[in-house]
Amino acid sequence: ISISEPVVYLPHREGYEERTVIYFTYQ
């Protein structure tokens, strides 16, 4: 159904400001 672009998921955690996560939706 959808796969997101990678997005930052812990913006305020030191060392993770550029770490990204992907969201997946399947039927």
PDB file of all heavy atoms in Angstrom:
ATOM      1  N   ILE A   1       0.835  -1.191   0.000  1.00  0.00           N
ATOM      2  CA  ILE A   1       0.000   0.000   0.000  1.00  0.00           C
ATOM      3  C   ILE A   1       0.877   1.250   0.000  1.00  0.00           C
ATOM      4  O   ILE A   1       0.692   2.160  -0.803  1.00  0.00           O
ATOM      5  CB  ILE A   1      -0.961   0.016   1.203  1.00  0.00           C
ATOM      6  CG1 ILE A   1      -1.847  -1.233   1.193  1.00  0.00           C
ATOM      7  CG2 ILE A   1      -1.819   1.281   1.199  1.00  0.00           C
ATOM      8  CD1 ILE A   1      -2.705  -1.393  -0.039  1.00  0.00           C
ATOM      9  N   SER A   2       1.843   1.271   0.901  1.00  0.00           N
ATOM     10  CA  SER A   2       2.751   2.418   0.944  1.00  0.00           C
ATOM     11  C   SER A   2       4.031   2.049   1.671  1.00  0.00           C
ATOM     12  O   SER A   2       4.027   1.246   2.607  1.00  0.00           O
ATOM     13  CB  SER A   2       2.093   3.617   1.632  1.00  0.00           C
ATOM     14  OG  SER A   2       1.852   3.345   3.003  1.00  0.00           O
ATOM     15  N   ILE A   3       5.125   2.628   1.209  1.00  0.00           N
ATOM     16  CA  ILE A   3       6.406   2.595   1.906  1.00  0.00           C
ATOM     17  C   ILE A   3       6.905   4.031   1.941  1.00  0.00           C
ATOM     18  O   ILE A   3       7.076   4.660   0.895  1.00  0.00           O
ATOM     19  CB  ILE A   3       7.430   1.683   1.197  1.00  0.00           C
ATOM     20  CG1 ILE A   3       6.933   0.225   1.201  1.00  0.00           C
ATOM     21  CG2 ILE A   3       8.791   1.766   1.897  1.00  0.00           C
ATOM     22  CD1 ILE A   3       7.873  -0.740   0.502  1.00  0.00           C
ATOM     23  N   SER A   4       7.106   4.545   3.132  1.00  0.00           N
ATOM     24  CA  SER A   4       7.457   5.950   3.264  1.00  0.00           C
ATOM     25  C   SER A   4       8.908   6.210   2.877  1.00  0.00           C
ATOM     26  O   SER A   4       9.724   5.284   2.802  1.00  0.00           O
ATOM     27  CB  SER A   4       7.244   6.409   4.712  1.00  0.00           C
ATOM     28  OG  SER A   4       8.301   5.934   5.548  1.00  0.00           O
ATOM     29  N   GLU A   5       9.206   7.446   2.658  1.00  0.00           N
ATOM     30  CA  GLU A   5      10.594   7.866   2.604  1.00  0.00           C
ATOM     31  C   GLU A   5      11.174   7.762   4.012  1.00  0.00           C
ATOM     32  O   GLU A   5      10.446   7.874   5.002  1.00  0.00           O
ATOM     33  CB  GLU A   5      10.702   9.307   2.099  1.00  0.00           C
ATOM     34  CG  GLU A   5      10.296   9.480   0.642  1.00  0.00           C
ATOM     35  CD  GLU A   5      11.214   8.719  -0.297  1.00  0.00           C
ATOM     36  OE1 GLU A   5      12.448   8.731  -0.065  1.00  0.00           O
ATOM     37  OE2 GLU A   5      10.699   8.089  -1.241  1.00  0.00           O
ATOM     38  N   PRO A   6      12.470   7.534   4.152  1.00  0.00           N
ATOM     39  CA  PRO A   6      13.061   7.507   5.493  1.00  0.00           C
ATOM     40  C   PRO A   6      12.896   8.858   6.196  1.00  0.00           C
ATOM     41  O   PRO A   6      13.093   9.906   5.583  1.00  0.00           O
ATOM     42  CB  PRO A   6      14.538   7.209   5.219  1.00  0.00           C
ATOM     43  CG  PRO A   6      14.554   6.557   3.864  1.00  0.00           C
ATOM     44  CD  PRO A   6      13.448   7.214   3.097  1.00  0.00           C
ATOM     45  N   VAL A   7      12.483   8.802   7.468  1.00  0.00           N
ATOM     46  CA  VAL A   7      12.282  10.026   8.244  1.00  0.00           C
ATOM     47  C   VAL A   7      12.991   9.899   9.594  1.00  0.00           C
ATOM     48  O   VAL A   7      13.076   8.806  10.166  1.00  0.00           O
ATOM     49  CB  VAL A   7      10.786  10.325   8.455  1.00  0.00           C
ATOM     50  CG1 VAL A   7      10.108  10.633   7.134  1.00  0.00           C
ATOM     51  CG2 VAL A   7      10.086   9.163   9.143  1.00  0.00           C
ATOM     52  N   VAL A   8      13.494  10.998  10.095  1.00  0.00           N
ATOM     53  CA  VAL A   8      14.144  11.022  11.402  1.00  0.00           C
ATOM     54  C   VAL A   8      13.105  10.668  12.468  1.00  0.00           C
ATOM     55  O   VAL A   8      11.978  11.182  12.450  1.00  0.00           O
ATOM     56  CB  VAL A   8      14.756  12.408  11.678  1.00  0.00           C
ATOM     57  CG1 VAL A   8      15.288  12.481  13.108  1.00  0.00           C
ATOM     58  CG2 VAL A   8      15.870  12.691  10.679  1.00  0.00           C
ATOM     59  N   TYR A   9      13.469   9.794  13.405  1.00  0.00           N
ATOM     60  CA  TYR A   9      12.478   9.349  14.376  1.00  0.00           C
ATOM     61  C   TYR A   9      12.843   9.642  15.827  1.00  0.00           C
ATOM     62  O   TYR A   9      11.988   9.517  16.724  1.00  0.00           O
ATOM     63  CB  TYR A   9      12.186   7.854  14.205  1.00  0.00           C
ATOM     64  CG  TYR A   9      13.313   6.936  14.612  1.00  0.00           C
ATOM     65  CD1 TYR A   9      13.277   6.247  15.814  1.00  0.00           C
ATOM     66  CD2 TYR A   9      14.421   6.752  13.795  1.00  0.00           C
ATOM     67  CE1 TYR A   9      14.304   5.397  16.195  1.00  0.00           C
ATOM     68  CE2 TYR A   9      15.448   5.909  14.156  1.00  0.00           C
ATOM     69  CZ  TYR A   9      15.390   5.242  15.351  1.00  0.00           C
ATOM     70  OH  TYR A   9      16.420   4.408  15.717  1.00  0.00           O
ATOM     71  N   LEU A  10      14.091  10.019  16.092  1.00  0.00           N
ATOM     72  CA  LEU A  10      14.488  10.435  17.443  1.00  0.00           C
ATOM     73  C   LEU A  10      15.238  11.768  17.335  1.00  0.00           C
ATOM     74  O   LEU A  10      16.439  11.846  17.599  1.00  0.00           O
ATOM     75  CB  LEU A  10      15.383   9.382  18.105  1.00  0.00           C
ATOM     76  CG  LEU A  10      14.756   8.028  18.432  1.00  0.00           C
ATOM     77  CD1 LEU A  10      15.800   7.075  19.000  1.00  0.00           C
ATOM     78  CD2 LEU A  10      13.588   8.180  19.412  1.00  0.00           C
ATOM     79  N   PRO A  11      14.534  12.827  16.957  1.00  0.00           N
ATOM     80  CA  PRO A  11      15.209  14.083  16.634  1.00  0.00           C
ATOM     81  C   PRO A  11      15.941  14.730  17.796  1.00  0.00           C
ATOM     82  O   PRO A  11      16.868  15.525  17.577  1.00  0.00           O
ATOM     83  CB  PRO A  11      14.062  14.979  16.145  1.00  0.00           C
ATOM     84  CG  PRO A  11      12.829  14.384  16.765  1.00  0.00           C
ATOM     85  CD  PRO A  11      13.074  12.917  16.791  1.00  0.00           C
ATOM     86  N   HIS A  12      15.549  14.390  19.030  1.00  0.00           N
ATOM     87  CA  HIS A  12      16.152  15.043  20.191  1.00  0.00           C
ATOM     88  C   HIS A  12      17.092  14.128  20.981  1.00  0.00           C
ATOM     89  O   HIS A  12      17.541  14.503  22.063  1.00  0.00           O
ATOM     90  CB  HIS A  12      15.058  15.578  21.118  1.00  0.00           C
ATOM     91  CG  HIS A  12      14.060  16.439  20.434  1.00  0.00           C
ATOM     92  ND1 HIS A  12      14.408  17.480  19.605  1.00  0.00           N
ATOM     93  CD2 HIS A  12      12.702  16.400  20.432  1.00  0.00           C
ATOM     94  CE1 HIS A  12      13.325  18.052  19.130  1.00  0.00           C
ATOM     95  NE2 HIS A  12      12.279  17.407  19.603  1.00  0.00           N
ATOM     96  N   ARG A  13      17.396  12.948  20.416  1.00  0.00           N
ATOM     97  CA  ARG A  13      18.336  12.053  21.095  1.00  0.00           C
ATOM     98  C   ARG A  13      19.737  12.272  20.521  1.00  0.00           C
ATOM     99  O   ARG A  13      19.939  12.210  19.305  1.00  0.00           O
ATOM    100  CB  ARG A  13      17.946  10.582  20.930  1.00  0.00           C
ATOM    101  CG  ARG A  13      18.866   9.651  21.713  1.00  0.00           C
ATOM    102  CD  ARG A  13      18.483   8.185  21.551  1.00  0.00           C
ATOM    103  NE  ARG A  13      19.368   7.349  22.358  1.00  0.00           N
ATOM    104  CZ  ARG A  13      19.368   6.024  22.370  1.00  0.00           C
ATOM    105  NH1 ARG A  13      18.500   5.368  21.607  1.00  0.00           N
ATOM    106  NH2 ARG A  13      20.206   5.346  23.122  1.00  0.00           N
ATOM    107  N   GLU A  14      20.680  12.524  21.409  1.00  0.00           N
ATOM    108  CA  GLU A  14      22.050  12.794  20.979  1.00  0.00           C
ATOM    109  C   GLU A  14      22.609  11.622  20.179  1.00  0.00           C
ATOM    110  O   GLU A  14      22.520  10.466  20.593  1.00  0.00           O
ATOM    111  CB  GLU A  14      22.943  13.055  22.192  1.00  0.00           C
ATOM    112  CG  GLU A  14      24.373  13.440  21.846  1.00  0.00           C
ATOM    113  CD  GLU A  14      25.224  13.740  23.060  1.00  0.00           C
ATOM    114  OE1 GLU A  14      24.678  13.718  24.193  1.00  0.00           O
ATOM    115  OE2 GLU A  14      26.430  13.986  22.888  1.00  0.00           O
ATOM    116  N   GLY A  15      23.144  11.922  19.012  1.00  0.00           N
ATOM    117  CA  GLY A  15      23.721  10.907  18.151  1.00  0.00           C
ATOM    118  C   GLY A  15      22.736  10.271  17.193  1.00  0.00           C
ATOM    119  O   GLY A  15      23.124   9.493  16.328  1.00  0.00           O
ATOM    120  N   TYR A  16      21.453  10.600  17.342  1.00  0.00           N
ATOM    121  CA  TYR A  16      20.405  10.016  16.489  1.00  0.00           C
ATOM    122  C   TYR A  16      19.710  11.058  15.619  1.00  0.00           C
ATOM    123  O   TYR A  16      18.700  10.764  14.996  1.00  0.00           O
ATOM    124  CB  TYR A  16      19.351   9.317  17.348  1.00  0.00           C
ATOM    125  CG  TYR A  16      19.772   7.955  17.856  1.00  0.00           C
ATOM    126  CD1 TYR A  16      20.776   7.826  18.805  1.00  0.00           C
ATOM    127  CD2 TYR A  16      19.169   6.801  17.386  1.00  0.00           C
ATOM    128  CE1 TYR A  16      21.168   6.585  19.281  1.00  0.00           C
ATOM    129  CE2 TYR A  16      19.542   5.551  17.862  1.00  0.00           C
ATOM    130  CZ  TYR A  16      20.546   5.455  18.805  1.00  0.00           C
ATOM    131  OH  TYR A  16      20.928   4.224  19.271  1.00  0.00           O
ATOM    132  N   GLU A  17      20.274  12.259  15.562  1.00  0.00           N
ATOM    133  CA  GLU A  17      19.598  13.356  14.867  1.00  0.00           C
ATOM    134  C   GLU A  17      19.369  13.075  13.386  1.00  0.00           C
ATOM    135  O   GLU A  17      18.468  13.667  12.775  1.00  0.00           O
ATOM    136  CB  GLU A  17      20.393  14.654  15.029  1.00  0.00           C
ATOM    137  CG  GLU A  17      20.493  15.157  16.464  1.00  0.00           C
ATOM    138  CD  GLU A  17      21.668  14.547  17.235  1.00  0.00           C
ATOM    139  OE1 GLU A  17      22.335  13.626  16.694  1.00  0.00           O
ATOM    140  OE2 GLU A  17      21.920  14.986  18.368  1.00  0.00           O
ATOM    141  N   GLU A  18      20.173  12.173  12.820  1.00  0.00           N
ATOM    142  CA  GLU A  18      20.026  11.842  11.407  1.00  0.00           C
ATOM    143  C   GLU A  18      19.623  10.383  11.187  1.00  0.00           C
ATOM    144  O   GLU A  18      19.575   9.919  10.055  1.00  0.00           O
ATOM    145  CB  GLU A  18      21.329  12.146  10.652  1.00  0.00           C
ATOM    146  CG  GLU A  18      21.694  13.635  10.672  1.00  0.00           C
ATOM    147  CD  GLU A  18      22.934  13.947   9.866  1.00  0.00           C
ATOM    148  OE1 GLU A  18      23.519  13.000   9.293  1.00  0.00           O
ATOM    149  OE2 GLU A  18      23.323  15.121   9.807  1.00  0.00           O
ATOM    150  N   ARG A  19      19.322   9.662  12.267  1.00  0.00           N
ATOM    151  CA  ARG A  19      18.901   8.266  12.154  1.00  0.00           C
ATOM    152  C   ARG A  19      17.452   8.215  11.665  1.00  0.00           C
ATOM    153  O   ARG A  19      16.600   8.930  12.193  1.00  0.00           O
ATOM    154  CB  ARG A  19      19.030   7.565  13.503  1.00  0.00           C
ATOM    155  CG  ARG A  19      18.910   6.043  13.453  1.00  0.00           C
ATOM    156  CD  ARG A  19      20.119   5.393  12.821  1.00  0.00           C
ATOM    157  NE  ARG A  19      21.319   5.604  13.588  1.00  0.00           N
ATOM    158  CZ  ARG A  19      21.700   4.849  14.627  1.00  0.00           C
ATOM    159  NH1 ARG A  19      20.944   3.832  15.011  1.00  0.00           N
ATOM    160  NH2 ARG A  19      22.816   5.097  15.258  1.00  0.00           N
ATOM    161  N   THR A  20      17.176   7.374  10.709  1.00  0.00           N
ATOM    162  CA  THR A  20      15.858   7.379  10.067  1.00  0.00           C
ATOM    163  C   THR A  20      15.135   6.052  10.197  1.00  0.00           C
ATOM    164  O   THR A  20      15.736   4.995  10.386  1.00  0.00           O
ATOM    165  CB  THR A  20      15.986   7.735   8.573  1.00  0.00           C
ATOM    166  OG1 THR A  20      16.907   6.826   7.951  1.00  0.00           O
ATOM    167  CG2 THR A  20      16.472   9.165   8.394  1.00  0.00           C
ATOM    168  N   VAL A  21      13.820   6.142  10.053  1.00  0.00           N
ATOM    169  CA  VAL A  21      12.942   4.984  10.106  1.00  0.00           C
ATOM    170  C   VAL A  21      12.039   5.010   8.871  1.00  0.00           C
ATOM    171  O   VAL A  21      11.785   6.075   8.296  1.00  0.00           O
ATOM    172  CB  VAL A  21      12.101   4.991  11.406  1.00  0.00           C
ATOM    173  CG1 VAL A  21      11.047   6.083  11.373  1.00  0.00           C
ATOM    174  CG2 VAL A  21      11.460   3.645  11.675  1.00  0.00           C
ATOM    175  N   ILE A  22      11.581   3.827   8.472  1.00  0.00           N
ATOM    176  CA  ILE A  22      10.680   3.699   7.324  1.00  0.00           C
ATOM    177  C   ILE A  22       9.369   3.089   7.813  1.00  0.00           C
ATOM    178  O   ILE A  22       9.360   2.168   8.639  1.00  0.00           O
ATOM    179  CB  ILE A  22      11.298   2.795   6.232  1.00  0.00           C
ATOM    180  CG1 ILE A  22      12.671   3.334   5.805  1.00  0.00           C
ATOM    181  CG2 ILE A  22      10.376   2.694   5.018  1.00  0.00           C
ATOM    182  CD1 ILE A  22      13.445   2.381   4.897  1.00  0.00           C
ATOM    183  N   TYR A  23       8.242   3.607   7.295  1.00  0.00           N
ATOM    184  CA  TYR A  23       6.914   3.091   7.614  1.00  0.00           C
ATOM    185  C   TYR A  23       6.411   2.240   6.444  1.00  0.00           C
ATOM    186  O   TYR A  23       6.460   2.675   5.286  1.00  0.00           O
ATOM    187  CB  TYR A  23       5.925   4.233   7.848  1.00  0.00           C
ATOM    188  CG  TYR A  23       6.241   5.086   9.041  1.00  0.00           C
ATOM    189  CD1 TYR A  23       7.109   6.172   8.924  1.00  0.00           C
ATOM    190  CD2 TYR A  23       5.680   4.831  10.285  1.00  0.00           C
ATOM    191  CE1 TYR A  23       7.413   6.972  10.014  1.00  0.00           C
ATOM    192  CE2 TYR A  23       5.972   5.623  11.382  1.00  0.00           C
ATOM    193  CZ  TYR A  23       6.840   6.693  11.242  1.00  0.00           C
ATOM    194  OH  TYR A  23       7.132   7.484  12.327  1.00  0.00           O
ATOM    195  N   PHE A  24       5.901   1.062   6.768  1.00  0.00           N
ATOM    196  CA  PHE A  24       5.406   0.127   5.758  1.00  0.00           C
ATOM    197  C   PHE A  24       3.930  -0.165   6.013  1.00  0.00           C
ATOM    198  O   PHE A  24       3.531  -0.438   7.149  1.00  0.00           O
ATOM    199  CB  PHE A  24       6.176  -1.193   5.815  1.00  0.00           C
ATOM    200  CG  PHE A  24       7.660  -1.049   5.610  1.00  0.00           C
ATOM    201  CD1 PHE A  24       8.497  -0.722   6.672  1.00  0.00           C
ATOM    202  CD2 PHE A  24       8.217  -1.241   4.354  1.00  0.00           C
ATOM    203  CE1 PHE A  24       9.863  -0.585   6.484  1.00  0.00           C
ATOM    204  CE2 PHE A  24       9.586  -1.111   4.154  1.00  0.00           C
ATOM    205  CZ  PHE A  24      10.405  -0.773   5.223  1.00  0.00           C
ATOM    206  N   THR A  25       3.134  -0.129   4.959  1.00  0.00           N
ATOM    207  CA  THR A  25       1.725  -0.522   5.044  1.00  0.00           C
ATOM    208  C   THR A  25       1.455  -1.548   3.953  1.00  0.00           C
ATOM    209  O   THR A  25       1.700  -1.287   2.766  1.00  0.00           O
ATOM    210  CB  THR A  25       0.792   0.679   4.862  1.00  0.00           C
ATOM    211  OG1 THR A  25       1.139   1.702   5.796  1.00  0.00           O
ATOM    212  CG2 THR A  25      -0.660   0.259   5.079  1.00  0.00           C
ATOM    213  N   TYR A  26       0.967  -2.711   4.372  1.00  0.00           N
ATOM    214  CA  TYR A  26       0.633  -3.789   3.437  1.00  0.00           C
ATOM    215  C   TYR A  26      -0.791  -4.263   3.685  1.00  0.00           C
ATOM    216  O   TYR A  26      -1.280  -4.265   4.830  1.00  0.00           O
ATOM    217  CB  TYR A  26       1.578  -4.975   3.599  1.00  0.00           C
ATOM    218  CG  TYR A  26       2.925  -4.789   2.940  1.00  0.00           C
ATOM    219  CD1 TYR A  26       4.015  -4.303   3.647  1.00  0.00           C
ATOM    220  CD2 TYR A  26       3.101  -5.110   1.592  1.00  0.00           C
ATOM    221  CE1 TYR A  26       5.251  -4.133   3.041  1.00  0.00           C
ATOM    222  CE2 TYR A  26       4.333  -4.950   0.973  1.00  0.00           C
ATOM    223  CZ  TYR A  26       5.395  -4.460   1.700  1.00  0.00           C
ATOM    224  OH  TYR A  26       6.614  -4.295   1.086  1.00  0.00           O
ATOM    225  N   GLN A  27      -1.443  -4.702   2.604  1.00  0.00           N
ATOM    226  CA  GLN A  27      -2.723  -5.383   2.718  1.00  0.00           C
ATOM    227  C   GLN A  27      -2.492  -6.873   2.503  1.00  0.00           C
ATOM    228  O   GLN A  27      -1.665  -7.279   1.678  1.00  0.00           O
ATOM    229  CB  GLN A  27      -3.717  -4.866   1.691  1.00  0.00           C
ATOM    230  CG  GLN A  27      -5.119  -5.433   1.878  1.00  0.00           C
ATOM    231  CD  GLN A  27      -6.134  -4.831   0.930  1.00  0.00           C
ATOM    232  OE1 GLN A  27      -5.806  -4.518  -0.207  1.00  0.00           O
ATOM    233  NE2 GLN A  27      -7.368  -4.681   1.387  1.00  0.00           N
TER     234      GLN A  27
END
